[in-house]
Amino acid sequence: MMSTYNINWLTDKFENGEDLTYLYFWGHNNKDQQPAGKFCLSQWYEFPFTVGGIIYKTAEH
């Protein structure tokens, strides 16, 4: 069964004193030449996508 993550789920965990795990990341460079990593979560990570016929180089654009 897959968990549903939403604000209610998070609030319940916090209010019940459960340990929460955070993924800290900074930077958008793939320094170790990994196929994927936390660098992919950066809004500056270059992964072009198209919306309404316009190509955006990064989410920041």
PDB file of N, CA and C in Angstrom:
ATOM      1  N   MET A   1       0.839  -1.183   0.000  1.00  0.00           N
ATOM      2  CA  MET A   1       0.000   0.000   0.000  1.00  0.00           C
ATOM      3  C   MET A   1       0.885   1.247   0.000  1.00  0.00           C
ATOM      4  N   MET A   2       0.599   2.158  -0.878  1.00  0.00           N
ATOM      5  CA  MET A   2       1.400   3.373  -0.999  1.00  0.00           C
ATOM      6  C   MET A   2       0.860   4.452  -0.051  1.00  0.00           C
ATOM      7  N   SER A   3       1.759   5.122   0.644  1.00  0.00           N
ATOM      8  CA  SER A   3       1.361   6.200   1.554  1.00  0.00           C
ATOM      9  C   SER A   3       0.972   7.439   0.772  1.00  0.00           C
ATOM     10  N   THR A   4       0.040   8.175   1.340  1.00  0.00           N
ATOM     11  CA  THR A   4      -0.340   9.460   0.764  1.00  0.00           C
ATOM     12  C   THR A   4       0.310  10.544   1.602  1.00  0.00           C
ATOM     13  N   TYR A   5       1.167  11.304   0.970  1.00  0.00           N
ATOM     14  CA  TYR A   5       1.836  12.392   1.661  1.00  0.00           C
ATOM     15  C   TYR A   5       1.083  13.678   1.375  1.00  0.00           C
ATOM     16  N   ASN A   6       0.640  14.331   2.433  1.00  0.00           N
ATOM     17  CA  ASN A   6      -0.028  15.623   2.303  1.00  0.00           C
ATOM     18  C   ASN A   6       0.132  16.365   3.630  1.00  0.00           C
ATOM     19  N   ILE A   7      -0.421  17.541   3.705  1.00  0.00           N
ATOM     20  CA  ILE A   7      -0.237  18.367   4.908  1.00  0.00           C
ATOM     21  C   ILE A   7      -0.862  17.715   6.134  1.00  0.00           C
ATOM     22  N   ASN A   8      -1.975  17.001   5.968  1.00  0.00           N
ATOM     23  CA  ASN A   8      -2.599  16.326   7.113  1.00  0.00           C
ATOM     24  C   ASN A   8      -1.708  15.198   7.629  1.00  0.00           C
ATOM     25  N   TRP A   9      -1.116  14.437   6.718  1.00  0.00           N
ATOM     26  CA  TRP A   9      -0.201  13.365   7.087  1.00  0.00           C
ATOM     27  C   TRP A   9       0.972  13.933   7.880  1.00  0.00           C
ATOM     28  N   LEU A  10       1.552  15.022   7.376  1.00  0.00           N
ATOM     29  CA  LEU A  10       2.705  15.639   8.026  1.00  0.00           C
ATOM     30  C   LEU A  10       2.335  16.212   9.394  1.00  0.00           C
ATOM     31  N   THR A  11       1.202  16.890   9.468  1.00  0.00           N
ATOM     32  CA  THR A  11       0.757  17.470  10.733  1.00  0.00           C
ATOM     33  C   THR A  11       0.526  16.390  11.777  1.00  0.00           C
ATOM     34  N   ASP A  12      -0.114  15.297  11.384  1.00  0.00           N
ATOM     35  CA  ASP A  12      -0.359  14.193  12.315  1.00  0.00           C
ATOM     36  C   ASP A  12       0.950  13.611  12.840  1.00  0.00           C
ATOM     37  N   LYS A  13       1.900  13.392  11.965  1.00  0.00           N
ATOM     38  CA  LYS A  13       3.191  12.850  12.389  1.00  0.00           C
ATOM     39  C   LYS A  13       3.881  13.805  13.371  1.00  0.00           C
ATOM     40  N   PHE A  14       3.855  15.087  13.051  1.00  0.00           N
ATOM     41  CA  PHE A  14       4.496  16.085  13.905  1.00  0.00           C
ATOM     42  C   PHE A  14       3.819  16.148  15.270  1.00  0.00           C
ATOM     43  N   GLU A  15       2.500  16.209  15.273  1.00  0.00           N
ATOM     44  CA  GLU A  15       1.749  16.324  16.533  1.00  0.00           C
ATOM     45  C   GLU A  15       1.854  15.069  17.391  1.00  0.00           C
ATOM     46  N   ASN A  16       2.100  13.913  16.774  1.00  0.00           N
ATOM     47  CA  ASN A  16       2.280  12.673  17.521  1.00  0.00           C
ATOM     48  C   ASN A  16       3.724  12.470  17.975  1.00  0.00           C
ATOM     49  N   GLY A  17       4.578  13.442  17.689  1.00  0.00           N
ATOM     50  CA  GLY A  17       5.956  13.391  18.136  1.00  0.00           C
ATOM     51  C   GLY A  17       6.830  12.418  17.362  1.00  0.00           C
ATOM     52  N   GLU A  18       6.367  12.008  16.195  1.00  0.00           N
ATOM     53  CA  GLU A  18       7.143  11.070  15.387  1.00  0.00           C
ATOM     54  C   GLU A  18       8.354  11.778  14.783  1.00  0.00           C
ATOM     55  N   ASP A  19       9.411  11.015  14.588  1.00  0.00           N
ATOM     56  CA  ASP A  19      10.604  11.558  13.947  1.00  0.00           C
ATOM     57  C   ASP A  19      10.317  11.819  12.474  1.00  0.00           C
ATOM     58  N   LEU A  20      10.708  12.968  12.011  1.00  0.00           N
ATOM     59  CA  LEU A  20      10.547  13.332  10.606  1.00  0.00           C
ATOM     60  C   LEU A  20      11.927  13.387   9.968  1.00  0.00           C
ATOM     61  N   THR A  21      12.023  12.865   8.779  1.00  0.00           N
ATOM     62  CA  THR A  21      13.284  12.853   8.058  1.00  0.00           C
ATOM     63  C   THR A  21      13.226  13.895   6.959  1.00  0.00           C
ATOM     64  N   TYR A  22      14.249  14.702   6.862  1.00  0.00           N
ATOM     65  CA  TYR A  22      14.306  15.759   5.855  1.00  0.00           C
ATOM     66  C   TYR A  22      15.444  15.473   4.880  1.00  0.00           C
ATOM     67  N   LEU A  23      15.241  15.857   3.666  1.00  0.00           N
ATOM     68  CA  LEU A  23      16.281  15.735   2.647  1.00  0.00           C
ATOM     69  C   LEU A  23      16.780  17.146   2.351  1.00  0.00           C
ATOM     70  N   TYR A  24      17.970  17.449   2.829  1.00  0.00           N
ATOM     71  CA  TYR A  24      18.570  18.755   2.590  1.00  0.00           C
ATOM     72  C   TYR A  24      19.380  18.687   1.305  1.00  0.00           C
ATOM     73  N   PHE A  25      19.238  19.669   0.478  1.00  0.00           N
ATOM     74  CA  PHE A  25      20.028  19.697  -0.743  1.00  0.00           C
ATOM     75  C   PHE A  25      20.305  21.144  -1.121  1.00  0.00           C
ATOM     76  N   TRP A  26      21.388  21.321  -1.777  1.00  0.00           N
ATOM     77  CA  TRP A  26      21.741  22.636  -2.294  1.00  0.00           C
ATOM     78  C   TRP A  26      22.642  22.411  -3.492  1.00  0.00           C
ATOM     79  N   GLY A  27      22.382  23.152  -4.503  1.00  0.00           N
ATOM     80  CA  GLY A  27      23.211  23.049  -5.689  1.00  0.00           C
ATOM     81  C   GLY A  27      22.535  22.240  -6.775  1.00  0.00           C
ATOM     82  N   HIS A  28      22.984  22.445  -7.959  1.00  0.00           N
ATOM     83  CA  HIS A  28      22.363  21.805  -9.106  1.00  0.00           C
ATOM     84  C   HIS A  28      23.388  21.096  -9.974  1.00  0.00           C
ATOM     85  N   ASN A  29      24.604  21.005  -9.492  1.00  0.00           N
ATOM     86  CA  ASN A  29      25.655  20.374 -10.288  1.00  0.00           C
ATOM     87  C   ASN A  29      25.816  18.905  -9.911  1.00  0.00           C
ATOM     88  N   ASN A  30      25.982  18.094 -10.917  1.00  0.00           N
ATOM     89  CA  ASN A  30      26.202  16.674 -10.728  1.00  0.00           C
ATOM     90  C   ASN A  30      27.708  16.431 -10.634  1.00  0.00           C
ATOM     91  N   LYS A  31      28.279  16.714  -9.487  1.00  0.00           N
ATOM     92  CA  LYS A  31      29.731  16.646  -9.302  1.00  0.00           C
ATOM     93  C   LYS A  31      30.282  15.231  -9.396  1.00  0.00           C
ATOM     94  N   ASP A  32      29.475  14.234  -9.031  1.00  0.00           N
ATOM     95  CA  ASP A  32      29.948  12.851  -9.028  1.00  0.00           C
ATOM     96  C   ASP A  32      29.495  12.074 -10.260  1.00  0.00           C
ATOM     97  N   GLN A  33      28.923  12.756 -11.241  1.00  0.00           N
ATOM     98  CA  GLN A  33      28.454  12.125 -12.483  1.00  0.00           C
ATOM     99  C   GLN A  33      27.471  10.982 -12.215  1.00  0.00           C
ATOM    100  N   GLN A  34      26.595  11.193 -11.244  1.00  0.00           N
ATOM    101  CA  GLN A  34      25.568  10.207 -10.924  1.00  0.00           C
ATOM    102  C   GLN A  34      24.431  10.285 -11.941  1.00  0.00           C
ATOM    103  N   PRO A  35      23.736   9.167 -12.214  1.00  0.00           N
ATOM    104  CA  PRO A  35      22.593   9.222 -13.119  1.00  0.00           C
ATOM    105  C   PRO A  35      21.437  10.027 -12.513  1.00  0.00           C
ATOM    106  N   ALA A  36      21.329  10.013 -11.191  1.00  0.00           N
ATOM    107  CA  ALA A  36      20.309  10.800 -10.488  1.00  0.00           C
ATOM    108  C   ALA A  36      20.800  11.035  -9.075  1.00  0.00           C
ATOM    109  N   GLY A  37      20.342  12.113  -8.498  1.00  0.00           N
ATOM    110  CA  GLY A  37      20.732  12.444  -7.128  1.00  0.00           C
ATOM    111  C   GLY A  37      19.898  13.607  -6.644  1.00  0.00           C
ATOM    112  N   LYS A  38      20.166  14.060  -5.421  1.00  0.00           N
ATOM    113  CA  LYS A  38      19.358  15.139  -4.873  1.00  0.00           C
ATOM    114  C   LYS A  38      19.540  16.445  -5.634  1.00  0.00           C
ATOM    115  N   PHE A  39      20.594  16.562  -6.421  1.00  0.00           N
ATOM    116  CA  PHE A  39      20.800  17.752  -7.250  1.00  0.00           C
ATOM    117  C   PHE A  39      19.644  17.934  -8.247  1.00  0.00           C
ATOM    118  N   CYS A  40      18.967  16.844  -8.607  1.00  0.00           N
ATOM    119  CA  CYS A  40      17.839  16.918  -9.546  1.00  0.00           C
ATOM    120  C   CYS A  40      16.672  17.722  -8.979  1.00  0.00           C
ATOM    121  N   LEU A  41      16.635  17.893  -7.662  1.00  0.00           N
ATOM    122  CA  LEU A  41      15.532  18.610  -7.022  1.00  0.00           C
ATOM    123  C   LEU A  41      15.689  20.127  -7.108  1.00  0.00           C
ATOM    124  N   SER A  42      16.831  20.588  -7.524  1.00  0.00           N
ATOM    125  CA  SER A  42      17.074  22.023  -7.621  1.00  0.00           C
ATOM    126  C   SER A  42      16.296  22.637  -8.773  1.00  0.00           C
ATOM    127  N   GLN A  43      15.751  23.806  -8.550  1.00  0.00           N
ATOM    128  CA  GLN A  43      15.041  24.505  -9.620  1.00  0.00           C
ATOM    129  C   GLN A  43      15.987  24.981 -10.717  1.00  0.00           C
ATOM    130  N   TRP A  44      17.291  24.931 -10.441  1.00  0.00           N
ATOM    131  CA  TRP A  44      18.285  25.352 -11.444  1.00  0.00           C
ATOM    132  C   TRP A  44      18.887  24.170 -12.213  1.00  0.00           C
ATOM    133  N   TYR A  45      18.498  22.945 -11.840  1.00  0.00           N
ATOM    134  CA  TYR A  45      19.011  21.767 -12.528  1.00  0.00           C
ATOM    135  C   TYR A  45      18.545  21.795 -13.982  1.00  0.00           C
ATOM    136  N   GLU A  46      19.471  21.652 -14.904  1.00  0.00           N
ATOM    137  CA  GLU A  46      19.128  21.724 -16.325  1.00  0.00           C
ATOM    138  C   GLU A  46      18.467  20.433 -16.788  1.00  0.00           C
ATOM    139  N   PHE A  47      17.172  20.549 -17.007  1.00  0.00           N
ATOM    140  CA  PHE A  47      16.378  19.448 -17.549  1.00  0.00           C
ATOM    141  C   PHE A  47      15.229  20.093 -18.322  1.00  0.00           C
ATOM    142  N   PRO A  48      15.464  20.383 -19.593  1.00  0.00           N
ATOM    143  CA  PRO A  48      14.477  21.121 -20.380  1.00  0.00           C
ATOM    144  C   PRO A  48      13.114  20.439 -20.433  1.00  0.00           C
ATOM    145  N   PHE A  49      12.080  21.250 -20.415  1.00  0.00           N
ATOM    146  CA  PHE A  49      10.711  20.771 -20.557  1.00  0.00           C
ATOM    147  C   PHE A  49       9.916  21.816 -21.324  1.00  0.00           C
ATOM    148  N   THR A  50       8.793  21.397 -21.887  1.00  0.00           N
ATOM    149  CA  THR A  50       7.980  22.271 -22.727  1.00  0.00           C
ATOM    150  C   THR A  50       6.599  22.447 -22.120  1.00  0.00           C
ATOM    151  N   VAL A  51       6.150  23.698 -22.065  1.00  0.00           N
ATOM    152  CA  VAL A  51       4.795  24.023 -21.612  1.00  0.00           C
ATOM    153  C   VAL A  51       4.220  25.010 -22.606  1.00  0.00           C
ATOM    154  N   GLY A  52       3.085  24.681 -23.175  1.00  0.00           N
ATOM    155  CA  GLY A  52       2.441  25.586 -24.123  1.00  0.00           C
ATOM    156  C   GLY A  52       3.314  25.939 -25.308  1.00  0.00           C
ATOM    157  N   GLY A  53       4.138  25.004 -25.740  1.00  0.00           N
ATOM    158  CA  GLY A  53       5.004  25.232 -26.887  1.00  0.00           C
ATOM    159  C   GLY A  53       6.268  26.013 -26.580  1.00  0.00           C
ATOM    160  N   ILE A  54       6.481  26.383 -25.328  1.00  0.00           N
ATOM    161  CA  ILE A  54       7.673  27.119 -24.929  1.00  0.00           C
ATOM    162  C   ILE A  54       8.619  26.162 -24.205  1.00  0.00           C
ATOM    163  N   ILE A  55       9.880  26.146 -24.616  1.00  0.00           N
ATOM    164  CA  ILE A  55      10.876  25.276 -23.990  1.00  0.00           C
ATOM    165  C   ILE A  55      11.555  26.053 -22.864  1.00  0.00           C
ATOM    166  N   TYR A  56      11.544  25.449 -21.674  1.00  0.00           N
ATOM    167  CA  TYR A  56      12.206  26.019 -20.499  1.00  0.00           C
ATOM    168  C   TYR A  56      13.418  25.165 -20.182  1.00  0.00           C
ATOM    169  N   LYS A  57      14.563  25.799 -20.001  1.00  0.00           N
ATOM    170  CA  LYS A  57      15.819  25.090 -19.748  1.00  0.00           C
ATOM    171  C   LYS A  57      15.850  24.487 -18.342  1.00  0.00           C
ATOM    172  N   THR A  58      15.300  25.219 -17.359  1.00  0.00           N
ATOM    173  CA  THR A  58      15.230  24.772 -15.963  1.00  0.00           C
ATOM    174  C   THR A  58      13.890  25.209 -15.387  1.00  0.00           C
ATOM    175  N   ALA A  59      13.557  24.704 -14.216  1.00  0.00           N
ATOM    176  CA  ALA A  59      12.314  25.131 -13.553  1.00  0.00           C
ATOM    177  C   ALA A  59      12.391  26.616 -13.187  1.00  0.00           C
ATOM    178  N   GLU A  60      13.585  27.129 -12.972  1.00  0.00           N
ATOM    179  CA  GLU A  60      13.773  28.546 -12.630  1.00  0.00           C
ATOM    180  C   GLU A  60      13.346  29.455 -13.785  1.00  0.00           C
ATOM    181  N   HIS A  61      13.526  28.968 -14.992  1.00  0.00           N
ATOM    182  CA  HIS A  61      13.157  29.786 -16.142  1.00  0.00           C
ATOM    183  C   HIS A  61      11.660  29.949 -16.223  1.00  0.00           C
TER     184      HIS A  61
END
